[in-house]
Structure formats: structure tokens, C-alpha cells
Amino acid sequence: MDHLKPLVLLSLNTGLRRGELFNLERQHIDLEHGLLTVVGDTEGNKTAKARHVPLNQEARTVLADWITYKQPTGLLFPGRQGRRLDNISNGWERLRKEARLMDFRWHDLRHTFASKLVMADVDLNTVRELLGHAGLDMTLRYAHLAPEHKAAAVAKLDKPILNVVPISVEDHR
């Protein structure tokens, strides 16, 4: 089984950075509870804090199939001689060309994950937590994908508030 397909699918469904995927170990995967742990302060992880990423059904299936097939005990996606995978450029370029994806970087899979969440009405703070951003400023670049939130916000003013008596102009005389 080619390691590139599960790596791509996991990136699309978890938003993990490439280095975070390379660092994953079998012990970081909890299929029973549907959680993946990104260990903090490791190569490929930009923050020192660990984070727990919930797994959707596709990510669970990909991981379950990979674990069943490879039976990893350490690194989930080891490179040569069991060391940390550090380069998938050749495979990625081949895949990109076959799929006719011009100017598409691995990191764009992470952007796709975030964009899909925002377009599905997931609030920006939750997207920030899932991506592992320390502050909201990095996540705000996705805000333009949900302009309907502004319209929905002001539309809430159209709904009457209970127990409020309307005041007329005559009441103020």
C-alpha cells in the first residue's frame, strides 16, 4: 500500500502539517475514541503544545486500514530503515502531475481542510484550535469564505426579543 494516499487523505481530513504527519506514532492514534494526538515541541510541529484532533469517519478508516496493513509499533509512516520520513517530494510531484494540479503545494491540503470547515459554518476559533494556531490572526485568513455569517448576524436583529415593550415616539414626550 502506497504511503502517499493515506498521508494526503489524513492531511485533508485533519489539517495536519506534513511534518506533523511524519512524526505520528502508533501510540498517538486512538481509533476507539476517534482522536489523534499531535505531540508538541517536535520537528514539524510549530507549537510546543500538544493538541488532540478528532477524527472524522474517512480519517478513521484510513488509519484503521493503514494500521491493519502495516502493523506499525513506532512511527506510523516510517522512512527508510524505520527512520522518520523526511521527504516525499518525488511521490508528491508525480501525484500532482498525474492529477494535473499546477502550483499546488502540500500545505494547500491543510488550507483545503480549513476552508471546508469555514464553509461548513464551523466557527473560526474551533478552526484555530484544530489547526493548532496559537492566535486567531493566522486563522482569520479564512473568514472571507463565510460572508453569510455577517448577514446571519444582522438578520438576528429582525427577530423580536421576548418581554420587550416597543417604545413609540409619543412615549418620550
N, C-alpha and C. Protein backbone atom coordinates (compact mmCIF):
# COMPACT_ATOMS: atom_id res chain seq x y z
N MET A 1 0.86 -1.19 0.00
CA MET A 1 0.00 0.00 0.00
C MET A 1 0.89 1.24 0.00
N ASP A 2 0.64 2.13 -0.90
CA ASP A 2 1.41 3.36 -1.02
C ASP A 2 1.13 4.28 0.16
N HIS A 3 2.18 4.85 0.75
CA HIS A 3 2.01 5.73 1.91
C HIS A 3 1.48 7.11 1.54
N LEU A 4 1.59 7.50 0.28
CA LEU A 4 1.19 8.84 -0.13
C LEU A 4 -0.33 9.04 -0.02
N LYS A 5 -1.10 8.05 -0.43
CA LYS A 5 -2.56 8.18 -0.38
C LYS A 5 -3.06 8.40 1.05
N PRO A 6 -2.66 7.59 2.02
CA PRO A 6 -3.15 7.86 3.38
C PRO A 6 -2.64 9.18 3.94
N LEU A 7 -1.44 9.59 3.57
CA LEU A 7 -0.91 10.88 4.03
C LEU A 7 -1.76 12.03 3.49
N VAL A 8 -2.10 11.98 2.21
CA VAL A 8 -2.92 13.03 1.60
C VAL A 8 -4.31 13.05 2.24
N LEU A 9 -4.92 11.89 2.38
CA LEU A 9 -6.26 11.82 2.96
C LEU A 9 -6.28 12.29 4.41
N LEU A 10 -5.24 11.96 5.15
CA LEU A 10 -5.18 12.43 6.55
C LEU A 10 -4.99 13.94 6.60
N SER A 11 -4.18 14.48 5.74
CA SER A 11 -3.97 15.92 5.71
C SER A 11 -5.27 16.64 5.37
N LEU A 12 -6.01 16.14 4.41
CA LEU A 12 -7.29 16.74 4.01
C LEU A 12 -8.35 16.65 5.11
N ASN A 13 -8.26 15.63 5.95
CA ASN A 13 -9.30 15.39 6.96
C ASN A 13 -8.90 15.77 8.38
N THR A 14 -7.64 16.15 8.58
CA THR A 14 -7.21 16.56 9.92
C THR A 14 -6.54 17.93 9.93
N GLY A 15 -6.08 18.38 8.78
CA GLY A 15 -5.38 19.65 8.70
C GLY A 15 -3.96 19.60 9.23
N LEU A 16 -3.43 18.41 9.48
CA LEU A 16 -2.07 18.30 9.99
C LEU A 16 -1.06 18.79 8.96
N ARG A 17 -0.01 19.40 9.48
CA ARG A 17 1.12 19.79 8.65
C ARG A 17 1.87 18.52 8.21
N ARG A 18 2.62 18.63 7.15
CA ARG A 18 3.37 17.48 6.65
C ARG A 18 4.30 16.92 7.73
N GLY A 19 5.03 17.79 8.41
CA GLY A 19 5.93 17.35 9.47
C GLY A 19 5.20 16.67 10.63
N GLU A 20 4.01 17.16 10.93
CA GLU A 20 3.21 16.54 12.00
C GLU A 20 2.80 15.12 11.60
N LEU A 21 2.47 14.93 10.33
CA LEU A 21 2.15 13.59 9.84
C LEU A 21 3.37 12.67 9.94
N PHE A 22 4.53 13.20 9.58
CA PHE A 22 5.76 12.40 9.62
C PHE A 22 6.10 11.98 11.05
N ASN A 23 5.71 12.78 12.03
CA ASN A 23 6.02 12.49 13.44
C ASN A 23 5.02 11.55 14.11
N LEU A 24 3.90 11.28 13.46
CA LEU A 24 2.88 10.45 14.10
C LEU A 24 3.41 9.06 14.44
N GLU A 25 3.10 8.64 15.63
CA GLU A 25 3.43 7.29 16.07
C GLU A 25 2.14 6.54 16.36
N ARG A 26 2.24 5.24 16.36
CA ARG A 26 1.05 4.41 16.59
C ARG A 26 0.37 4.79 17.90
N GLN A 27 1.15 5.12 18.91
CA GLN A 27 0.59 5.46 20.22
C GLN A 27 -0.20 6.78 20.20
N HIS A 28 -0.05 7.58 19.14
CA HIS A 28 -0.75 8.86 19.03
C HIS A 28 -2.15 8.70 18.45
N ILE A 29 -2.51 7.49 18.07
CA ILE A 29 -3.79 7.24 17.41
C ILE A 29 -4.71 6.46 18.34
N ASP A 30 -5.88 7.01 18.61
CA ASP A 30 -6.89 6.34 19.43
C ASP A 30 -8.13 6.16 18.56
N LEU A 31 -8.19 5.04 17.86
CA LEU A 31 -9.31 4.80 16.95
C LEU A 31 -10.61 4.60 17.72
N GLU A 32 -10.54 4.03 18.90
CA GLU A 32 -11.75 3.78 19.69
C GLU A 32 -12.46 5.09 20.03
N HIS A 33 -11.70 6.10 20.41
CA HIS A 33 -12.29 7.39 20.76
C HIS A 33 -12.24 8.39 19.61
N GLY A 34 -11.65 7.99 18.49
CA GLY A 34 -11.59 8.86 17.32
C GLY A 34 -10.74 10.10 17.52
N LEU A 35 -9.55 9.91 18.11
CA LEU A 35 -8.66 11.04 18.38
C LEU A 35 -7.25 10.75 17.90
N LEU A 36 -6.60 11.79 17.47
CA LEU A 36 -5.21 11.74 17.06
C LEU A 36 -4.50 12.81 17.89
N THR A 37 -3.35 12.49 18.44
CA THR A 37 -2.61 13.45 19.24
C THR A 37 -1.40 13.94 18.47
N VAL A 38 -1.30 15.25 18.33
CA VAL A 38 -0.12 15.88 17.75
C VAL A 38 0.76 16.27 18.92
N VAL A 39 1.91 15.65 19.01
CA VAL A 39 2.82 15.90 20.13
C VAL A 39 3.50 17.24 19.93
N GLY A 40 3.55 18.03 20.97
CA GLY A 40 4.17 19.34 20.88
C GLY A 40 5.68 19.27 20.94
N ASP A 41 6.30 20.35 20.55
CA ASP A 41 7.75 20.51 20.64
C ASP A 41 8.54 19.42 19.92
N THR A 42 8.09 19.07 18.72
CA THR A 42 8.81 18.10 17.89
C THR A 42 9.04 18.72 16.52
N GLU A 43 9.94 18.15 15.77
CA GLU A 43 10.20 18.64 14.42
C GLU A 43 8.92 18.55 13.60
N GLY A 44 8.58 19.62 12.91
CA GLY A 44 7.38 19.62 12.08
C GLY A 44 6.17 20.20 12.78
N ASN A 45 6.23 20.38 14.11
CA ASN A 45 5.13 20.98 14.85
C ASN A 45 5.57 22.38 15.26
N LYS A 46 4.84 23.39 14.81
CA LYS A 46 5.25 24.77 15.04
C LYS A 46 5.02 25.24 16.46
N THR A 47 4.21 24.54 17.23
CA THR A 47 3.95 24.98 18.60
C THR A 47 4.47 23.94 19.58
N ALA A 48 4.72 24.39 20.79
CA ALA A 48 5.24 23.49 21.82
C ALA A 48 4.11 22.71 22.49
N LYS A 49 2.88 23.13 22.25
CA LYS A 49 1.75 22.48 22.90
C LYS A 49 1.25 21.29 22.09
N ALA A 50 0.91 20.24 22.80
CA ALA A 50 0.26 19.10 22.14
C ALA A 50 -1.20 19.48 21.87
N ARG A 51 -1.78 18.85 20.87
CA ARG A 51 -3.21 19.06 20.63
C ARG A 51 -3.85 17.74 20.21
N HIS A 52 -5.14 17.66 20.48
CA HIS A 52 -5.89 16.46 20.14
C HIS A 52 -6.85 16.82 19.01
N VAL A 53 -6.76 16.04 17.94
CA VAL A 53 -7.56 16.30 16.75
C VAL A 53 -8.58 15.17 16.61
N PRO A 54 -9.88 15.52 16.62
CA PRO A 54 -10.90 14.49 16.40
C PRO A 54 -10.80 13.95 14.97
N LEU A 55 -11.10 12.68 14.82
CA LEU A 55 -11.03 12.03 13.52
C LEU A 55 -12.43 11.87 12.95
N ASN A 56 -12.63 12.33 11.72
CA ASN A 56 -13.89 12.05 11.05
C ASN A 56 -13.85 10.61 10.54
N GLN A 57 -14.94 10.16 9.94
CA GLN A 57 -15.02 8.76 9.52
C GLN A 57 -13.97 8.40 8.48
N GLU A 58 -13.72 9.28 7.53
CA GLU A 58 -12.73 8.97 6.50
C GLU A 58 -11.34 8.81 7.12
N ALA A 59 -10.97 9.72 8.01
CA ALA A 59 -9.65 9.64 8.66
C ALA A 59 -9.54 8.36 9.49
N ARG A 60 -10.61 8.01 10.18
CA ARG A 60 -10.62 6.77 10.99
C ARG A 60 -10.40 5.55 10.10
N THR A 61 -11.10 5.52 8.98
CA THR A 61 -10.99 4.38 8.06
C THR A 61 -9.58 4.29 7.48
N VAL A 62 -9.04 5.43 7.06
CA VAL A 62 -7.68 5.46 6.50
C VAL A 62 -6.69 4.93 7.53
N LEU A 63 -6.78 5.42 8.76
CA LEU A 63 -5.85 5.00 9.81
C LEU A 63 -6.03 3.53 10.17
N ALA A 64 -7.28 3.09 10.27
CA ALA A 64 -7.53 1.68 10.61
C ALA A 64 -6.97 0.76 9.53
N ASP A 65 -7.18 1.11 8.27
CA ASP A 65 -6.65 0.30 7.17
C ASP A 65 -5.13 0.29 7.17
N TRP A 66 -4.52 1.46 7.37
CA TRP A 66 -3.06 1.55 7.38
C TRP A 66 -2.47 0.75 8.54
N ILE A 67 -3.05 0.89 9.71
CA ILE A 67 -2.55 0.18 10.89
C ILE A 67 -2.70 -1.33 10.72
N THR A 68 -3.82 -1.76 10.15
CA THR A 68 -4.03 -3.19 9.90
C THR A 68 -3.01 -3.71 8.89
N TYR A 69 -2.75 -2.92 7.86
CA TYR A 69 -1.84 -3.33 6.80
C TYR A 69 -0.38 -3.32 7.24
N LYS A 70 0.06 -2.25 7.90
CA LYS A 70 1.48 -2.07 8.23
C LYS A 70 1.87 -2.56 9.62
N GLN A 71 0.91 -2.66 10.53
CA GLN A 71 1.20 -3.07 11.91
C GLN A 71 2.33 -2.25 12.54
N PRO A 72 2.27 -0.92 12.46
CA PRO A 72 3.37 -0.12 13.00
C PRO A 72 3.40 -0.16 14.53
N THR A 73 4.58 -0.11 15.08
CA THR A 73 4.71 -0.04 16.54
C THR A 73 5.30 1.30 16.95
N GLY A 74 6.08 1.91 16.09
CA GLY A 74 6.67 3.22 16.36
C GLY A 74 6.05 4.24 15.43
N LEU A 75 6.87 4.79 14.55
CA LEU A 75 6.38 5.77 13.59
C LEU A 75 5.29 5.16 12.71
N LEU A 76 4.24 5.92 12.49
CA LEU A 76 3.13 5.44 11.68
C LEU A 76 3.52 5.35 10.21
N PHE A 77 4.31 6.32 9.76
CA PHE A 77 4.77 6.36 8.37
C PHE A 77 6.29 6.46 8.35
N PRO A 78 6.97 5.36 8.65
CA PRO A 78 8.43 5.43 8.71
C PRO A 78 9.05 5.55 7.31
N GLY A 79 10.23 6.16 7.30
CA GLY A 79 11.01 6.25 6.07
C GLY A 79 11.92 5.04 5.96
N ARG A 80 12.96 5.22 5.23
CA ARG A 80 13.92 4.13 5.05
C ARG A 80 14.52 3.71 6.38
N GLN A 81 14.70 2.43 6.54
CA GLN A 81 15.31 1.84 7.73
C GLN A 81 14.60 2.24 9.02
N GLY A 82 13.30 2.52 8.91
CA GLY A 82 12.49 2.82 10.09
C GLY A 82 12.68 4.22 10.65
N ARG A 83 13.49 5.03 10.00
CA ARG A 83 13.70 6.41 10.48
C ARG A 83 12.51 7.28 10.11
N ARG A 84 12.52 8.50 10.68
CA ARG A 84 11.46 9.47 10.40
C ARG A 84 11.46 9.80 8.91
N LEU A 85 10.30 9.72 8.31
CA LEU A 85 10.13 10.13 6.92
C LEU A 85 10.44 11.61 6.83
N ASP A 86 11.22 12.01 5.86
CA ASP A 86 11.57 13.42 5.79
C ASP A 86 11.40 14.02 4.40
N ASN A 87 11.08 13.19 3.41
CA ASN A 87 10.98 13.72 2.07
C ASN A 87 10.05 12.85 1.24
N ILE A 88 9.01 13.47 0.72
CA ILE A 88 8.09 12.76 -0.18
C ILE A 88 7.96 13.52 -1.49
N SER A 89 8.95 14.36 -1.77
CA SER A 89 8.89 15.25 -2.93
C SER A 89 8.67 14.52 -4.25
N ASN A 90 9.40 13.43 -4.48
CA ASN A 90 9.26 12.71 -5.75
C ASN A 90 7.85 12.15 -5.92
N GLY A 91 7.35 11.50 -4.91
CA GLY A 91 6.00 10.94 -4.97
C GLY A 91 4.94 12.02 -5.11
N TRP A 92 5.11 13.13 -4.35
CA TRP A 92 4.16 14.23 -4.41
C TRP A 92 4.15 14.87 -5.80
N GLU A 93 5.33 15.08 -6.37
CA GLU A 93 5.40 15.68 -7.71
C GLU A 93 4.74 14.77 -8.75
N ARG A 94 4.99 13.49 -8.64
CA ARG A 94 4.39 12.53 -9.57
C ARG A 94 2.85 12.56 -9.45
N LEU A 95 2.36 12.54 -8.21
CA LEU A 95 0.91 12.58 -7.97
C LEU A 95 0.31 13.87 -8.49
N ARG A 96 0.97 14.98 -8.20
CA ARG A 96 0.50 16.30 -8.62
C ARG A 96 0.38 16.38 -10.14
N LYS A 97 1.38 15.86 -10.83
CA LYS A 97 1.36 15.89 -12.30
C LYS A 97 0.27 14.98 -12.85
N GLU A 98 0.11 13.79 -12.27
CA GLU A 98 -0.94 12.88 -12.73
C GLU A 98 -2.32 13.49 -12.53
N ALA A 99 -2.50 14.21 -11.44
CA ALA A 99 -3.78 14.84 -11.14
C ALA A 99 -3.94 16.19 -11.83
N ARG A 100 -2.90 16.62 -12.56
CA ARG A 100 -2.89 17.90 -13.27
C ARG A 100 -3.15 19.08 -12.32
N LEU A 101 -2.50 19.02 -11.17
CA LEU A 101 -2.59 20.10 -10.19
C LEU A 101 -1.37 20.99 -10.34
N MET A 102 -1.53 22.09 -10.99
CA MET A 102 -0.43 23.01 -11.19
C MET A 102 -0.35 23.95 -9.99
N ASP A 103 0.84 24.27 -9.59
CA ASP A 103 1.06 25.21 -8.49
C ASP A 103 0.25 24.83 -7.24
N PHE A 104 0.32 23.57 -6.87
CA PHE A 104 -0.39 23.07 -5.69
C PHE A 104 0.64 22.46 -4.75
N ARG A 105 0.74 23.04 -3.56
CA ARG A 105 1.72 22.58 -2.58
C ARG A 105 1.06 21.67 -1.56
N TRP A 106 1.87 20.92 -0.84
CA TRP A 106 1.33 20.04 0.19
C TRP A 106 0.53 20.84 1.20
N HIS A 107 1.03 22.01 1.56
CA HIS A 107 0.36 22.84 2.56
C HIS A 107 -1.04 23.26 2.12
N ASP A 108 -1.30 23.22 0.82
CA ASP A 108 -2.63 23.55 0.31
C ASP A 108 -3.68 22.54 0.76
N LEU A 109 -3.26 21.34 1.10
CA LEU A 109 -4.19 20.35 1.66
C LEU A 109 -4.71 20.84 3.01
N ARG A 110 -3.82 21.43 3.80
CA ARG A 110 -4.19 22.00 5.09
C ARG A 110 -5.15 23.18 4.91
N HIS A 111 -4.85 24.02 3.89
CA HIS A 111 -5.75 25.14 3.60
C HIS A 111 -7.12 24.63 3.15
N THR A 112 -7.15 23.55 2.41
CA THR A 112 -8.42 22.97 1.97
C THR A 112 -9.22 22.51 3.17
N PHE A 113 -8.58 21.85 4.12
CA PHE A 113 -9.23 21.41 5.36
C PHE A 113 -9.89 22.61 6.06
N ALA A 114 -9.11 23.66 6.27
CA ALA A 114 -9.62 24.84 6.97
C ALA A 114 -10.75 25.51 6.19
N SER A 115 -10.58 25.63 4.89
CA SER A 115 -11.59 26.28 4.06
C SER A 115 -12.91 25.52 4.10
N LYS A 116 -12.83 24.20 4.01
CA LYS A 116 -14.05 23.39 4.05
C LYS A 116 -14.77 23.54 5.40
N LEU A 117 -14.01 23.63 6.48
CA LEU A 117 -14.63 23.82 7.79
C LEU A 117 -15.36 25.16 7.86
N VAL A 118 -14.70 26.21 7.42
CA VAL A 118 -15.31 27.54 7.47
C VAL A 118 -16.56 27.58 6.60
N MET A 119 -16.50 27.00 5.41
CA MET A 119 -17.66 26.99 4.52
C MET A 119 -18.79 26.11 5.06
N ALA A 120 -18.47 25.23 6.02
CA ALA A 120 -19.49 24.40 6.66
C ALA A 120 -19.98 25.05 7.96
N ASP A 121 -19.71 26.34 8.12
CA ASP A 121 -20.17 27.14 9.27
C ASP A 121 -19.50 26.78 10.58
N VAL A 122 -18.31 26.22 10.56
CA VAL A 122 -17.56 25.99 11.80
C VAL A 122 -16.96 27.32 12.21
N ASP A 123 -17.10 27.68 13.49
CA ASP A 123 -16.59 28.98 13.93
C ASP A 123 -15.07 29.02 13.86
N LEU A 124 -14.55 30.23 13.69
CA LEU A 124 -13.12 30.42 13.46
C LEU A 124 -12.26 29.99 14.64
N ASN A 125 -12.76 30.11 15.85
CA ASN A 125 -11.96 29.68 16.99
C ASN A 125 -11.77 28.16 17.00
N THR A 126 -12.79 27.43 16.61
CA THR A 126 -12.67 25.97 16.52
C THR A 126 -11.69 25.60 15.41
N VAL A 127 -11.76 26.29 14.28
CA VAL A 127 -10.81 26.06 13.19
C VAL A 127 -9.40 26.33 13.69
N ARG A 128 -9.23 27.42 14.44
CA ARG A 128 -7.92 27.77 15.00
C ARG A 128 -7.39 26.64 15.88
N GLU A 129 -8.24 26.11 16.75
CA GLU A 129 -7.83 25.03 17.65
C GLU A 129 -7.44 23.78 16.86
N LEU A 130 -8.23 23.43 15.86
CA LEU A 130 -7.94 22.24 15.06
C LEU A 130 -6.63 22.38 14.29
N LEU A 131 -6.34 23.58 13.80
CA LEU A 131 -5.11 23.81 13.05
C LEU A 131 -3.90 23.95 13.96
N GLY A 132 -4.15 24.21 15.23
CA GLY A 132 -3.05 24.40 16.16
C GLY A 132 -2.43 25.78 16.08
N HIS A 133 -3.19 26.75 15.60
CA HIS A 133 -2.70 28.12 15.57
C HIS A 133 -2.71 28.68 16.99
N ALA A 134 -1.65 29.39 17.36
CA ALA A 134 -1.57 29.98 18.69
C ALA A 134 -2.55 31.13 18.85
N GLY A 135 -2.71 31.92 17.80
CA GLY A 135 -3.61 33.07 17.85
C GLY A 135 -4.59 33.04 16.70
N LEU A 136 -5.61 33.86 16.80
CA LEU A 136 -6.67 33.88 15.80
C LEU A 136 -6.23 34.57 14.50
N ASP A 137 -5.17 35.37 14.56
CA ASP A 137 -4.75 36.14 13.39
C ASP A 137 -4.44 35.26 12.18
N MET A 138 -3.80 34.12 12.38
CA MET A 138 -3.49 33.21 11.26
C MET A 138 -4.77 32.60 10.68
N THR A 139 -5.74 32.34 11.54
CA THR A 139 -6.98 31.69 11.11
C THR A 139 -7.90 32.67 10.39
N LEU A 140 -7.78 33.95 10.68
CA LEU A 140 -8.67 34.95 10.10
C LEU A 140 -8.59 35.01 8.57
N ARG A 141 -7.53 34.48 7.99
CA ARG A 141 -7.43 34.50 6.52
C ARG A 141 -8.54 33.69 5.86
N TYR A 142 -9.21 32.83 6.64
CA TYR A 142 -10.31 32.03 6.10
C TYR A 142 -11.67 32.68 6.29
N ALA A 143 -11.74 33.79 7.01
CA ALA A 143 -13.01 34.43 7.35
C ALA A 143 -13.80 34.84 6.11
N HIS A 144 -13.12 35.25 5.05
CA HIS A 144 -13.82 35.70 3.84
C HIS A 144 -14.63 34.59 3.18
N LEU A 145 -14.38 33.35 3.57
CA LEU A 145 -15.10 32.23 2.96
C LEU A 145 -16.51 32.06 3.52
N ALA A 146 -16.82 32.81 4.57
CA ALA A 146 -18.14 32.69 5.18
C ALA A 146 -18.80 34.06 5.32
N PRO A 147 -19.00 34.78 4.21
CA PRO A 147 -19.62 36.11 4.31
C PRO A 147 -21.05 36.06 4.81
N GLU A 148 -21.68 34.92 4.66
CA GLU A 148 -23.07 34.80 5.11
C GLU A 148 -23.19 34.93 6.63
N HIS A 149 -22.08 34.78 7.36
CA HIS A 149 -22.11 34.95 8.81
C HIS A 149 -22.48 36.38 9.19
N LYS A 150 -22.00 37.34 8.42
CA LYS A 150 -22.33 38.73 8.69
C LYS A 150 -23.81 38.98 8.44
N ALA A 151 -24.32 38.44 7.34
CA ALA A 151 -25.74 38.60 7.03
C ALA A 151 -26.59 37.90 8.08
N ALA A 152 -26.18 36.72 8.51
CA ALA A 152 -26.93 35.99 9.54
C ALA A 152 -26.90 36.75 10.86
N ALA A 153 -25.78 37.40 11.14
CA ALA A 153 -25.66 38.15 12.40
C ALA A 153 -26.65 39.30 12.44
N VAL A 154 -26.71 40.10 11.37
CA VAL A 154 -27.63 41.23 11.40
C VAL A 154 -29.08 40.79 11.23
N ALA A 155 -29.31 39.64 10.60
CA ALA A 155 -30.67 39.12 10.47
C ALA A 155 -31.26 38.76 11.83
N LYS A 156 -30.41 38.48 12.79
CA LYS A 156 -30.89 38.17 14.14
C LYS A 156 -31.60 39.36 14.77
N LEU A 157 -31.30 40.55 14.29
CA LEU A 157 -31.97 41.75 14.79
C LEU A 157 -33.42 41.80 14.36
N ASP A 158 -33.77 41.06 13.32
CA ASP A 158 -35.15 41.04 12.83
C ASP A 158 -36.07 40.24 13.74
N LYS A 159 -35.52 39.37 14.54
CA LYS A 159 -36.32 38.53 15.42
C LYS A 159 -36.70 39.33 16.65
N PRO A 160 -37.97 39.28 17.03
CA PRO A 160 -38.38 40.04 18.22
C PRO A 160 -37.77 39.44 19.49
N ILE A 161 -37.39 40.31 20.38
CA ILE A 161 -36.85 39.87 21.67
C ILE A 161 -38.02 39.77 22.62
N LEU A 162 -38.14 38.68 23.33
CA LEU A 162 -39.25 38.47 24.26
C LEU A 162 -39.21 39.47 25.41
N ASN A 163 -40.36 39.81 25.91
CA ASN A 163 -40.53 40.68 27.07
C ASN A 163 -40.00 42.08 26.86
N VAL A 164 -39.93 42.53 25.63
CA VAL A 164 -39.52 43.90 25.37
C VAL A 164 -40.74 44.64 24.85
N VAL A 165 -41.08 45.72 25.51
CA VAL A 165 -42.22 46.52 25.09
C VAL A 165 -41.73 47.58 24.12
N PRO A 166 -42.31 47.63 22.94
CA PRO A 166 -41.86 48.63 21.97
C PRO A 166 -42.14 50.03 22.51
N ILE A 167 -41.24 50.93 22.26
CA ILE A 167 -41.38 52.31 22.70
C ILE A 167 -41.72 53.15 21.49
N SER A 168 -42.74 53.94 21.61
CA SER A 168 -43.11 54.80 20.50
C SER A 168 -42.54 56.18 20.75
N VAL A 169 -42.56 56.98 19.73
CA VAL A 169 -42.07 58.34 19.82
C VAL A 169 -42.92 59.13 20.84
N GLU A 170 -44.23 58.84 20.86
CA GLU A 170 -45.15 59.55 21.75
C GLU A 170 -44.82 59.31 23.22
N ASP A 171 -44.23 58.14 23.54
CA ASP A 171 -43.88 57.84 24.94
C ASP A 171 -42.79 58.74 25.47
N HIS A 172 -42.04 59.38 24.61
CA HIS A 172 -40.91 60.20 25.03
C HIS A 172 -41.29 61.67 25.18
N ARG A 173 -42.53 62.04 24.99
CA ARG A 173 -42.94 63.45 25.11
C ARG A 173 -43.21 63.83 26.52
